[in-house]
Amino acid sequence: MERKLRIWRYRNAYLFVLPTFILLCIFNYYPAFSGLYRSLFDWAVGGQAKFIGFKNFIEILTDKNFQISVVNVIKLTIWNVLVPSLIIPILVAEMIFNLHSPKAKYIYRVLVISPMVIPSIVILLIWQFIYDADYGLLNAILKNIGLGYLARSWLGDPNTALYAIMAIGFPWIGGTTVLIYLAGLMNIPNSIFDAALLDGVIGLKRFFNIDLPLITGQIKLCVILSLIGTIQGYGTMLVLTGGGPGVATLVPGLYMYQAAFNFGRMGFASAVGVILFLVILWLTILNMKYISSPAEYEAQ
């Protein structure tokens, strides 16, 4: 009864947030639950849906192309988590953080974030030109330094296509990721650094014993974002290779896209989406459970 009275007392506030919840249900929750439901059907848009239970999931898990796409996305995920999300951005954030000049810190923050104003499709098309077999910048450089025998169609060779995709974004200094780590470092109290200096904890010793443990929360966030983005993502492969040559760069997201829009198998594509959701959910839970910052340990 008391809860009902409280709700009635604040009814105007609930009315203000009601449109937001309605929009969330229509555009976020309904598509997700609809996809879960449709994954149990053999269904194409405009066609008659036929209930087939878990046959879509069985077909997906036994499909060799899907298995290859899983191997490819595992390679991409390991790379994206370790290099563009952890190692390089943390090192860059450390270098900016340890600059003595506030003006220099500001300038480098601006320089790091500036490339984000360029549309991602433009960046992909530039890299497509770099990898071009006939007129590409990479092959031209190799020929000019006497390594012409290494020149090849980087995106057209099954042995190099996936690794060429990994190299996109070199030197892998993600602006947002760097700023997240930099904010974490700037949030560490100066008293900790002063105490570390008195104890002779400097350089790499300070990095591994103080800086890194105290930005574990930021690391957790970036790892989760990288996992979700890589496992769901397929835009790069769609634009540059279409999953080829053959299935050399096929990933589950692109496999789902092709099933839906190339072959019209919407129920099958929904099943792929459900599998991706379950994998991402499991990895997120593992990350939240086993990566904890010192502050979180204290709270427990």
Protein backbone atom coordinates (compact mmCIF):
# COMPACT_ATOMS: atom_id res chain seq x y z
CA MET A 1 0.00 0.00 0.00
CA GLU A 2 2.81 2.39 0.88
CA ARG A 3 4.46 1.75 -2.50
CA LYS A 4 1.21 2.49 -4.33
CA LEU A 5 0.83 5.74 -2.42
CA ARG A 6 4.41 6.74 -3.29
CA ILE A 7 3.81 6.01 -6.97
CA TRP A 8 0.59 8.03 -6.93
CA ARG A 9 2.35 10.91 -5.18
CA TYR A 10 4.99 11.09 -7.92
CA ARG A 11 2.63 10.27 -10.80
CA ASN A 12 3.55 13.43 -12.71
CA ALA A 13 7.22 12.46 -12.72
CA TYR A 14 6.34 8.97 -14.00
CA LEU A 15 4.26 10.52 -16.77
CA PHE A 16 7.30 12.52 -17.93
CA VAL A 17 9.50 9.41 -18.27
CA LEU A 18 6.71 7.24 -19.72
CA PRO A 19 7.34 8.31 -23.37
CA THR A 20 10.99 7.27 -23.01
CA PHE A 21 10.04 3.81 -21.80
CA ILE A 22 7.47 3.44 -24.58
CA LEU A 23 10.08 4.31 -27.22
CA LEU A 24 12.57 1.91 -25.61
CA CYS A 25 10.03 -0.90 -25.74
CA ILE A 26 9.10 -0.21 -29.37
CA PHE A 27 12.56 0.34 -30.84
CA ASN A 28 14.86 -1.65 -28.49
CA TYR A 29 13.06 -4.43 -26.70
CA TYR A 30 10.47 -5.43 -29.28
CA PRO A 31 13.03 -6.03 -32.10
CA ALA A 32 15.21 -8.07 -29.73
CA PHE A 33 12.41 -10.33 -28.50
CA SER A 34 10.96 -10.52 -32.01
CA GLY A 35 14.34 -11.76 -33.29
CA LEU A 36 14.43 -14.38 -30.54
CA TYR A 37 10.94 -15.56 -31.51
CA ARG A 38 11.66 -15.52 -35.26
CA SER A 39 14.82 -17.58 -34.79
CA LEU A 40 12.56 -20.60 -34.24
CA PHE A 41 10.93 -20.23 -37.66
CA ASP A 42 11.79 -20.78 -41.29
CA TRP A 43 10.72 -17.31 -42.33
CA ALA A 44 11.30 -14.80 -45.10
CA VAL A 45 9.84 -11.28 -45.27
CA GLY A 46 6.43 -11.43 -46.88
CA GLY A 47 6.35 -15.22 -46.70
CA GLN A 48 4.58 -17.69 -44.46
CA ALA A 49 6.51 -18.45 -41.26
CA LYS A 50 6.94 -22.15 -40.52
CA PHE A 51 7.84 -23.26 -37.00
CA ILE A 52 10.95 -25.47 -37.07
CA GLY A 53 12.17 -25.28 -33.47
CA PHE A 54 15.95 -25.34 -33.08
CA LYS A 55 16.74 -26.50 -36.64
CA ASN A 56 18.16 -23.08 -37.55
CA PHE A 57 20.62 -23.29 -34.66
CA ILE A 58 21.63 -26.85 -35.56
CA GLU A 59 22.23 -25.83 -39.19
CA ILE A 60 24.29 -22.81 -38.15
CA LEU A 61 26.53 -24.70 -35.74
CA THR A 62 27.22 -27.46 -38.30
CA ASP A 63 27.86 -25.07 -41.21
CA LYS A 64 31.56 -24.99 -42.15
CA ASN A 65 31.33 -21.37 -43.30
CA PHE A 66 30.00 -20.34 -39.90
CA GLN A 67 32.77 -22.28 -38.18
CA ILE A 68 35.35 -20.47 -40.32
CA SER A 69 33.70 -17.14 -39.49
CA VAL A 70 33.97 -17.96 -35.78
CA VAL A 71 37.70 -18.65 -36.12
CA ASN A 72 38.12 -15.36 -37.98
CA VAL A 73 36.24 -13.34 -35.37
CA ILE A 74 38.22 -14.98 -32.55
CA LYS A 75 41.46 -13.81 -34.23
CA LEU A 76 40.04 -10.33 -34.73
CA THR A 77 38.75 -10.15 -31.15
CA ILE A 78 42.08 -11.18 -29.62
CA TRP A 79 43.87 -8.60 -31.76
CA ASN A 80 41.38 -5.78 -31.15
CA VAL A 81 41.26 -6.34 -27.40
CA LEU A 82 45.03 -6.57 -26.94
CA VAL A 83 46.37 -3.95 -29.36
CA PRO A 84 43.84 -1.20 -30.31
CA SER A 85 41.98 -1.39 -26.98
CA LEU A 86 44.67 -2.08 -24.38
CA ILE A 87 48.38 -1.89 -25.18
CA ILE A 88 48.65 1.08 -27.56
CA PRO A 89 45.99 3.37 -26.00
CA ILE A 90 47.31 2.79 -22.46
CA LEU A 91 50.86 3.61 -23.54
CA VAL A 92 49.71 6.77 -25.34
CA ALA A 93 47.58 7.81 -22.35
CA GLU A 94 50.60 7.31 -20.06
CA MET A 95 52.82 9.44 -22.28
CA ILE A 96 50.27 12.28 -22.40
CA PHE A 97 49.61 12.02 -18.65
CA ASN A 98 53.31 12.32 -17.81
CA LEU A 99 53.85 15.47 -19.86
CA HIS A 100 54.80 18.38 -17.61
CA SER A 101 53.20 21.12 -19.70
CA PRO A 102 49.39 21.48 -19.31
CA LYS A 103 49.34 23.15 -22.74
CA ALA A 104 51.10 20.18 -24.33
CA LYS A 105 48.63 17.80 -22.66
CA TYR A 106 45.73 19.77 -24.12
CA ILE A 107 47.25 19.85 -27.61
CA TYR A 108 47.88 16.10 -27.67
CA ARG A 109 44.36 15.39 -26.39
CA VAL A 110 42.98 17.42 -29.29
CA LEU A 111 45.29 15.69 -31.79
CA VAL A 112 44.27 12.25 -30.53
CA ILE A 113 40.54 12.94 -30.78
CA SER A 114 40.61 14.92 -34.06
CA PRO A 115 40.60 11.90 -36.47
CA MET A 116 37.20 10.91 -35.08
CA VAL A 117 35.55 13.68 -37.12
CA ILE A 118 36.42 11.76 -40.30
CA PRO A 119 33.59 9.38 -41.36
CA SER A 120 34.61 5.74 -40.94
CA ILE A 121 33.68 4.93 -44.55
CA VAL A 122 36.24 7.49 -45.76
CA ILE A 123 38.94 5.84 -43.65
CA LEU A 124 38.04 2.42 -45.08
CA LEU A 125 38.19 3.70 -48.65
CA ILE A 126 41.62 5.24 -47.99
CA TRP A 127 42.87 1.89 -46.69
CA GLN A 128 41.35 0.19 -49.72
CA PHE A 129 43.53 2.45 -51.87
CA ILE A 130 46.58 1.70 -49.70
CA TYR A 131 46.07 -2.05 -50.26
CA ASP A 132 45.29 -1.77 -53.99
CA ALA A 133 47.31 -4.36 -55.94
CA ASP A 134 48.14 -2.08 -58.89
CA TYR A 135 48.22 1.49 -57.57
CA GLY A 136 48.29 0.99 -53.81
CA LEU A 137 50.61 2.99 -51.58
CA LEU A 138 51.83 -0.08 -49.70
CA ASN A 139 52.99 -1.93 -52.83
CA ALA A 140 54.58 1.27 -54.18
CA ILE A 141 56.62 1.68 -50.99
CA LEU A 142 57.73 -1.95 -51.08
CA LYS A 143 58.87 -1.63 -54.70
CA ASN A 144 60.76 1.60 -54.02
CA ILE A 145 62.73 0.09 -51.13
CA GLY A 146 63.65 -3.04 -53.04
CA LEU A 147 61.05 -5.36 -51.53
CA GLY A 148 58.85 -5.58 -54.61
CA TYR A 149 58.70 -9.37 -54.31
CA LEU A 150 56.47 -8.85 -51.24
CA ALA A 151 53.91 -6.82 -53.20
CA ARG A 152 50.56 -8.53 -53.68
CA SER A 153 46.82 -8.03 -53.64
CA TRP A 154 46.61 -7.68 -49.88
CA LEU A 155 42.81 -7.89 -49.69
CA GLY A 156 42.58 -10.40 -52.53
CA ASP A 157 45.01 -12.96 -51.12
CA PRO A 158 43.38 -15.46 -48.70
CA ASN A 159 46.66 -15.67 -46.77
CA THR A 160 46.86 -11.94 -46.06
CA ALA A 161 43.30 -10.56 -46.27
CA LEU A 162 42.37 -11.03 -42.59
CA TYR A 163 45.71 -9.66 -41.37
CA ALA A 164 45.33 -6.66 -43.70
CA ILE A 165 41.96 -6.01 -42.04
CA MET A 166 43.68 -6.16 -38.63
CA ALA A 167 46.27 -3.59 -39.71
CA ILE A 168 43.62 -1.00 -40.59
CA GLY A 169 43.80 1.94 -38.22
CA PHE A 170 47.59 1.82 -37.76
CA PRO A 171 49.02 3.00 -35.38
CA TRP A 172 45.79 2.01 -33.56
CA ILE A 173 45.54 5.09 -31.33
CA GLY A 174 41.80 5.18 -30.71
CA GLY A 175 40.86 8.68 -29.57
CA THR A 176 38.00 7.71 -27.28
CA THR A 177 39.92 4.81 -25.74
CA VAL A 178 42.96 6.99 -25.03
CA LEU A 179 40.79 9.65 -23.39
CA ILE A 180 39.07 7.03 -21.20
CA TYR A 181 42.44 5.79 -19.90
CA LEU A 182 43.73 9.35 -19.54
CA ALA A 183 40.67 10.29 -17.47
CA GLY A 184 41.33 7.28 -15.24
CA LEU A 185 44.94 8.31 -14.70
CA MET A 186 43.98 11.91 -13.97
CA ASN A 187 41.47 10.66 -11.40
CA ILE A 188 44.21 9.02 -9.29
CA PRO A 189 44.91 11.21 -6.23
CA ASN A 190 48.24 13.05 -6.31
CA SER A 191 48.93 11.81 -2.78
CA ILE A 192 49.39 8.29 -4.17
CA PHE A 193 51.99 9.48 -6.66
CA ASP A 194 53.77 11.51 -3.97
CA ALA A 195 53.93 8.47 -1.68
CA ALA A 196 55.19 6.32 -4.55
CA LEU A 197 57.92 8.86 -5.33
CA LEU A 198 59.08 8.86 -1.71
CA ASP A 199 59.24 5.05 -1.78
CA GLY A 200 61.23 5.07 -5.02
CA VAL A 201 58.39 3.59 -7.07
CA ILE A 202 58.96 5.29 -10.43
CA GLY A 203 58.99 4.46 -14.13
CA LEU A 204 57.80 0.99 -15.11
CA LYS A 205 57.56 0.00 -11.46
CA ARG A 206 54.98 2.73 -10.87
CA PHE A 207 53.17 1.85 -14.09
CA PHE A 208 52.66 -1.81 -13.19
CA ASN A 209 52.07 -1.38 -9.45
CA ILE A 210 50.04 1.83 -9.27
CA ASP A 211 48.79 3.18 -12.60
CA LEU A 212 47.63 -0.06 -14.17
CA PRO A 213 45.75 -1.45 -11.13
CA LEU A 214 43.98 1.87 -10.54
CA ILE A 215 42.60 2.12 -14.09
CA THR A 216 41.19 -1.43 -14.07
CA GLY A 217 37.66 0.01 -14.23
CA GLN A 218 38.53 1.81 -17.47
CA ILE A 219 40.20 -1.33 -18.81
CA LYS A 220 37.04 -3.31 -18.06
CA LEU A 221 34.91 -0.78 -19.95
CA CYS A 222 37.19 -0.73 -23.00
CA VAL A 223 37.43 -4.53 -23.10
CA ILE A 224 33.63 -4.86 -23.04
CA LEU A 225 33.20 -2.24 -25.78
CA SER A 226 35.88 -3.92 -27.89
CA LEU A 227 34.32 -7.37 -27.45
CA ILE A 228 30.86 -6.15 -28.40
CA GLY A 229 32.09 -4.08 -31.34
CA THR A 230 34.28 -6.82 -32.81
CA ILE A 231 31.87 -9.73 -32.40
CA GLN A 232 28.92 -7.77 -33.78
CA GLY A 233 30.84 -5.81 -36.39
CA TYR A 234 31.06 -6.59 -40.07
CA GLY A 235 31.08 -3.18 -41.78
CA THR A 236 34.80 -3.26 -42.61
CA MET A 237 34.55 -6.65 -44.28
CA LEU A 238 31.33 -5.71 -46.08
CA VAL A 239 32.93 -2.62 -47.63
CA LEU A 240 36.40 -3.98 -48.40
CA THR A 241 36.11 -7.71 -49.11
CA GLY A 242 32.51 -8.87 -48.86
CA GLY A 243 33.82 -11.71 -46.69
CA GLY A 244 36.23 -12.88 -49.38
CA PRO A 245 38.34 -13.97 -50.99
CA GLY A 246 36.24 -17.08 -50.50
CA VAL A 247 35.47 -16.98 -46.78
CA ALA A 248 38.88 -15.68 -45.67
CA THR A 249 37.39 -12.59 -43.98
CA LEU A 250 33.90 -13.88 -43.24
CA VAL A 251 32.71 -13.09 -39.70
CA PRO A 252 29.43 -14.06 -37.95
CA GLY A 253 27.95 -10.57 -38.33
CA LEU A 254 28.51 -10.64 -42.10
CA TYR A 255 27.27 -14.24 -42.21
CA MET A 256 24.04 -13.02 -40.59
CA TYR A 257 23.77 -10.07 -43.01
CA GLN A 258 24.21 -12.30 -46.04
CA ALA A 259 21.66 -14.82 -44.77
CA ALA A 260 19.09 -12.03 -44.27
CA PHE A 261 19.62 -9.77 -47.29
CA ASN A 262 21.35 -11.97 -49.88
CA PHE A 263 19.34 -15.14 -49.32
CA GLY A 264 16.21 -13.77 -47.63
CA ARG A 265 16.44 -16.22 -44.69
CA MET A 266 15.29 -13.89 -41.92
CA GLY A 267 14.59 -16.65 -39.39
CA PHE A 268 18.03 -18.13 -39.98
CA ALA A 269 19.65 -14.70 -39.62
CA SER A 270 17.71 -14.12 -36.39
CA ALA A 271 19.16 -17.37 -35.02
CA VAL A 272 22.67 -16.12 -35.81
CA GLY A 273 21.85 -12.90 -33.94
CA VAL A 274 20.65 -14.87 -30.92
CA ILE A 275 23.91 -16.87 -30.86
CA LEU A 276 25.95 -13.65 -31.03
CA PHE A 277 23.87 -12.16 -28.21
CA LEU A 278 24.48 -15.19 -25.98
CA VAL A 279 28.22 -15.18 -26.68
CA ILE A 280 28.54 -11.44 -25.95
CA LEU A 281 26.45 -11.78 -22.79
CA TRP A 282 28.64 -14.65 -21.54
CA LEU A 283 31.89 -12.79 -22.26
CA THR A 284 30.55 -9.63 -20.60
CA ILE A 285 29.60 -11.57 -17.46
CA LEU A 286 33.06 -13.16 -17.33
CA ASN A 287 34.68 -9.75 -17.74
CA MET A 288 32.53 -8.17 -15.01
CA LYS A 289 33.16 -11.09 -12.66
CA TYR A 290 36.90 -11.62 -13.01
CA ILE A 291 38.24 -8.11 -13.75
CA SER A 292 37.88 -5.99 -10.63
CA SER A 293 39.63 -2.81 -9.59
CA PRO A 294 41.03 -2.27 -6.08
CA ALA A 295 38.15 0.13 -5.36
CA GLU A 296 35.66 -2.62 -6.17
CA TYR A 297 37.48 -5.06 -3.86
CA GLU A 298 37.23 -2.51 -1.05
CA ALA A 299 33.51 -2.06 -1.71
CA GLN A 300 33.01 -5.81 -1.43
